[in-house]
Amino acid sequence: MHELGIVVHTIDAVEEVAKKNAVKEVTKITLEVGEVSGVVPEYFRDCFEWAKKKTEHLQNCVLDLVVLEAITYCRDCDSTYPTVKYGRECPHCHSGNTYLVTGQEINIRDIEVKQEESPSE
């Protein structure tokens, strides 16, 4: 289960951002996960719920996982197609001269926070 490692890395990155920016609390993280990244969303959510309890800023954080479609490009006919449906072979020209364009990435898209309150003067 590599999801736990990705969760820990994600939480560490968000905690660092929170500390550097005087954030009181991280309320929501939106994470983009590629369709063929190997991440199982249900496992990722379970790991996140367990790991957030051990943090300073993410105790009540909500996780929003956005699954990005995997798209493959064919060099021979210059077309793109959904990877999961057709695999490595181009459905248009049946070439194997293809490469994955999107769908393998894992990105933190948004972090929603509550800022520390400034002392009034």
C-alpha atoms as a PDB file:
ATOM      1  CA  MET A   1       0.000   0.000   0.000  1.00  0.00           C
ATOM      2  CA  HIS A   2       2.005   2.950  -1.302  1.00  0.00           C
ATOM      3  CA  GLU A   3      -0.915   5.293  -0.585  1.00  0.00           C
ATOM      4  CA  LEU A   4       0.339   5.811   2.972  1.00  0.00           C
ATOM      5  CA  GLY A   5       3.713   7.054   1.719  1.00  0.00           C
ATOM      6  CA  ILE A   6       2.026   9.515  -0.630  1.00  0.00           C
ATOM      7  CA  VAL A   7      -0.302  10.672   2.156  1.00  0.00           C
ATOM      8  CA  VAL A   8       2.632  11.271   4.504  1.00  0.00           C
ATOM      9  CA  HIS A   9       4.521  13.202   1.824  1.00  0.00           C
ATOM     10  CA  THR A  10       1.423  15.290   1.016  1.00  0.00           C
ATOM     11  CA  ILE A  11       0.713  16.056   4.675  1.00  0.00           C
ATOM     12  CA  ASP A  12       4.353  16.990   5.296  1.00  0.00           C
ATOM     13  CA  ALA A  13       4.279  19.417   2.347  1.00  0.00           C
ATOM     14  CA  VAL A  14       1.016  21.013   3.486  1.00  0.00           C
ATOM     15  CA  GLU A  15       2.207  21.264   7.106  1.00  0.00           C
ATOM     16  CA  GLU A  16       5.354  23.060   5.913  1.00  0.00           C
ATOM     17  CA  VAL A  17       3.288  25.540   3.888  1.00  0.00           C
ATOM     18  CA  ALA A  18       0.996  26.106   6.874  1.00  0.00           C
ATOM     19  CA  LYS A  19       3.912  26.847   9.217  1.00  0.00           C
ATOM     20  CA  LYS A  20       5.622  29.212   6.761  1.00  0.00           C
ATOM     21  CA  ASN A  21       2.397  31.167   6.254  1.00  0.00           C
ATOM     22  CA  ALA A  22       1.163  31.436   9.862  1.00  0.00           C
ATOM     23  CA  VAL A  23      -1.875  29.307   9.139  1.00  0.00           C
ATOM     24  CA  LYS A  24      -4.126  28.468  12.063  1.00  0.00           C
ATOM     25  CA  GLU A  25      -5.782  25.479  10.419  1.00  0.00           C
ATOM     26  CA  VAL A  26      -5.918  23.747   7.032  1.00  0.00           C
ATOM     27  CA  THR A  27      -9.603  23.160   6.322  1.00  0.00           C
ATOM     28  CA  LYS A  28      -9.470  21.479   2.900  1.00  0.00           C
ATOM     29  CA  ILE A  29      -6.964  19.977   0.489  1.00  0.00           C
ATOM     30  CA  THR A  30      -7.848  19.334  -3.148  1.00  0.00           C
ATOM     31  CA  LEU A  31      -5.591  16.684  -4.636  1.00  0.00           C
ATOM     32  CA  GLU A  32      -5.461  15.735  -8.308  1.00  0.00           C
ATOM     33  CA  VAL A  33      -4.758  12.044  -8.818  1.00  0.00           C
ATOM     34  CA  GLY A  34      -4.139  10.584 -12.260  1.00  0.00           C
ATOM     35  CA  GLU A  35      -6.350   7.724 -13.345  1.00  0.00           C
ATOM     36  CA  VAL A  36      -3.322   5.456 -13.913  1.00  0.00           C
ATOM     37  CA  SER A  37      -1.164   6.783 -11.052  1.00  0.00           C
ATOM     38  CA  GLY A  38      -1.656   3.563  -9.115  1.00  0.00           C
ATOM     39  CA  VAL A  39      -3.422   5.353  -6.270  1.00  0.00           C
ATOM     40  CA  VAL A  40      -6.595   3.669  -5.019  1.00  0.00           C
ATOM     41  CA  PRO A  41      -8.821   6.562  -3.878  1.00  0.00           C
ATOM     42  CA  GLU A  42     -10.536   4.575  -1.084  1.00  0.00           C
ATOM     43  CA  TYR A  43      -7.177   3.481   0.384  1.00  0.00           C
ATOM     44  CA  PHE A  44      -5.831   7.010   0.051  1.00  0.00           C
ATOM     45  CA  ARG A  45      -8.809   8.472   1.921  1.00  0.00           C
ATOM     46  CA  ASP A  46      -8.470   5.888   4.703  1.00  0.00           C
ATOM     47  CA  CYS A  47      -4.750   6.628   5.092  1.00  0.00           C
ATOM     48  CA  PHE A  48      -5.402  10.375   5.053  1.00  0.00           C
ATOM     49  CA  GLU A  49      -8.057  10.126   7.788  1.00  0.00           C
ATOM     50  CA  TRP A  50      -5.641   8.123   9.963  1.00  0.00           C
ATOM     51  CA  ALA A  51      -2.606  10.358   9.330  1.00  0.00           C
ATOM     52  CA  LYS A  52      -4.296  13.755   9.708  1.00  0.00           C
ATOM     53  CA  LYS A  53      -5.004  13.001  13.383  1.00  0.00           C
ATOM     54  CA  LYS A  54      -1.262  13.143  14.031  1.00  0.00           C
ATOM     55  CA  THR A  55      -0.757  16.629  12.568  1.00  0.00           C
ATOM     56  CA  GLU A  56      -0.683  20.142  13.935  1.00  0.00           C
ATOM     57  CA  HIS A  57      -2.739  21.920  11.254  1.00  0.00           C
ATOM     58  CA  LEU A  58      -4.882  19.255   9.529  1.00  0.00           C
ATOM     59  CA  GLN A  59      -6.912  17.748  12.367  1.00  0.00           C
ATOM     60  CA  ASN A  60     -10.264  18.765  10.813  1.00  0.00           C
ATOM     61  CA  CYS A  61      -9.148  18.895   7.194  1.00  0.00           C
ATOM     62  CA  VAL A  62     -11.402  17.607   4.420  1.00  0.00           C
ATOM     63  CA  LEU A  63      -9.784  15.794   1.489  1.00  0.00           C
ATOM     64  CA  ASP A  64     -11.165  16.326  -2.004  1.00  0.00           C
ATOM     65  CA  LEU A  65      -9.718  13.844  -4.512  1.00  0.00           C
ATOM     66  CA  VAL A  66     -10.119  14.775  -8.166  1.00  0.00           C
ATOM     67  CA  VAL A  67      -9.352  11.921 -10.553  1.00  0.00           C
ATOM     68  CA  LEU A  68      -7.702  13.119 -13.786  1.00  0.00           C
ATOM     69  CA  GLU A  69      -8.432  11.141 -16.924  1.00  0.00           C
ATOM     70  CA  ALA A  70      -5.495   9.320 -18.486  1.00  0.00           C
ATOM     71  CA  ILE A  71      -4.878  10.481 -22.073  1.00  0.00           C
ATOM     72  CA  THR A  72      -2.455   8.877 -24.531  1.00  0.00           C
ATOM     73  CA  TYR A  73      -0.973  10.481 -27.652  1.00  0.00           C
ATOM     74  CA  CYS A  74      -0.236   8.603 -30.891  1.00  0.00           C
ATOM     75  CA  ARG A  75       2.872   9.787 -32.721  1.00  0.00           C
ATOM     76  CA  ASP A  76       1.848   8.084 -35.961  1.00  0.00           C
ATOM     77  CA  CYS A  77      -1.595   9.619 -36.512  1.00  0.00           C
ATOM     78  CA  ASP A  78      -1.250  12.652 -34.209  1.00  0.00           C
ATOM     79  CA  SER A  79      -4.360  11.857 -32.167  1.00  0.00           C
ATOM     80  CA  THR A  80      -5.188  11.473 -28.489  1.00  0.00           C
ATOM     81  CA  TYR A  81      -7.482   8.973 -26.815  1.00  0.00           C
ATOM     82  CA  PRO A  82      -8.566   7.745 -23.354  1.00  0.00           C
ATOM     83  CA  THR A  83      -5.861   5.408 -22.094  1.00  0.00           C
ATOM     84  CA  VAL A  84      -7.998   3.292 -19.779  1.00  0.00           C
ATOM     85  CA  LYS A  85     -10.445   2.426 -22.553  1.00  0.00           C
ATOM     86  CA  TYR A  86      -7.894   1.605 -25.267  1.00  0.00           C
ATOM     87  CA  GLY A  87      -4.525   0.957 -23.601  1.00  0.00           C
ATOM     88  CA  ARG A  88      -1.241   1.517 -25.426  1.00  0.00           C
ATOM     89  CA  GLU A  89      -2.502   0.712 -28.920  1.00  0.00           C
ATOM     90  CA  CYS A  90      -4.051   3.644 -30.763  1.00  0.00           C
ATOM     91  CA  PRO A  91      -7.720   2.959 -31.573  1.00  0.00           C
ATOM     92  CA  HIS A  92      -7.485   5.134 -34.713  1.00  0.00           C
ATOM     93  CA  CYS A  93      -4.475   3.661 -36.538  1.00  0.00           C
ATOM     94  CA  HIS A  94      -3.604   0.651 -34.302  1.00  0.00           C
ATOM     95  CA  SER A  95      -0.055   1.876 -33.786  1.00  0.00           C
ATOM     96  CA  GLY A  96       1.893   1.168 -30.616  1.00  0.00           C
ATOM     97  CA  ASN A  97       3.980   4.310 -31.111  1.00  0.00           C
ATOM     98  CA  THR A  98       2.206   6.112 -28.271  1.00  0.00           C
ATOM     99  CA  TYR A  99       2.939   7.803 -24.967  1.00  0.00           C
ATOM    100  CA  LEU A 100       0.990   8.831 -21.898  1.00  0.00           C
ATOM    101  CA  VAL A 101       0.233  12.578 -21.811  1.00  0.00           C
ATOM    102  CA  THR A 102      -1.755  12.829 -18.575  1.00  0.00           C
ATOM    103  CA  GLY A 103      -3.097  10.516 -15.938  1.00  0.00           C
ATOM    104  CA  GLN A 104      -0.035   9.489 -13.946  1.00  0.00           C
ATOM    105  CA  GLU A 105       0.395  12.651 -11.851  1.00  0.00           C
ATOM    106  CA  ILE A 106      -0.434  13.470  -8.237  1.00  0.00           C
ATOM    107  CA  ASN A 107      -0.718  17.216  -7.540  1.00  0.00           C
ATOM    108  CA  ILE A 108      -1.843  19.382  -4.676  1.00  0.00           C
ATOM    109  CA  ARG A 109      -4.241  21.710  -6.497  1.00  0.00           C
ATOM    110  CA  ASP A 110      -5.665  23.771  -3.625  1.00  0.00           C
ATOM    111  CA  ILE A 111      -5.187  24.290   0.084  1.00  0.00           C
ATOM    112  CA  GLU A 112      -7.943  26.100   1.994  1.00  0.00           C
ATOM    113  CA  VAL A 113      -6.981  27.555   5.369  1.00  0.00           C
ATOM    114  CA  LYS A 114      -7.932  29.650   8.380  1.00  0.00           C
ATOM    115  CA  GLN A 115      -5.288  32.303   9.029  1.00  0.00           C
ATOM    116  CA  GLU A 116      -3.955  33.221  12.451  1.00  0.00           C
ATOM    117  CA  GLU A 117      -5.810  36.234  13.733  1.00  0.00           C
ATOM    118  CA  SER A 118      -3.719  39.407  13.935  1.00  0.00           C
ATOM    119  CA  PRO A 119      -3.746  41.203  17.278  1.00  0.00           C
ATOM    120  CA  SER A 120      -5.826  44.362  17.002  1.00  0.00           C
ATOM    121  CA  GLU A 121      -4.113  47.636  17.668  1.00  0.00           C
END
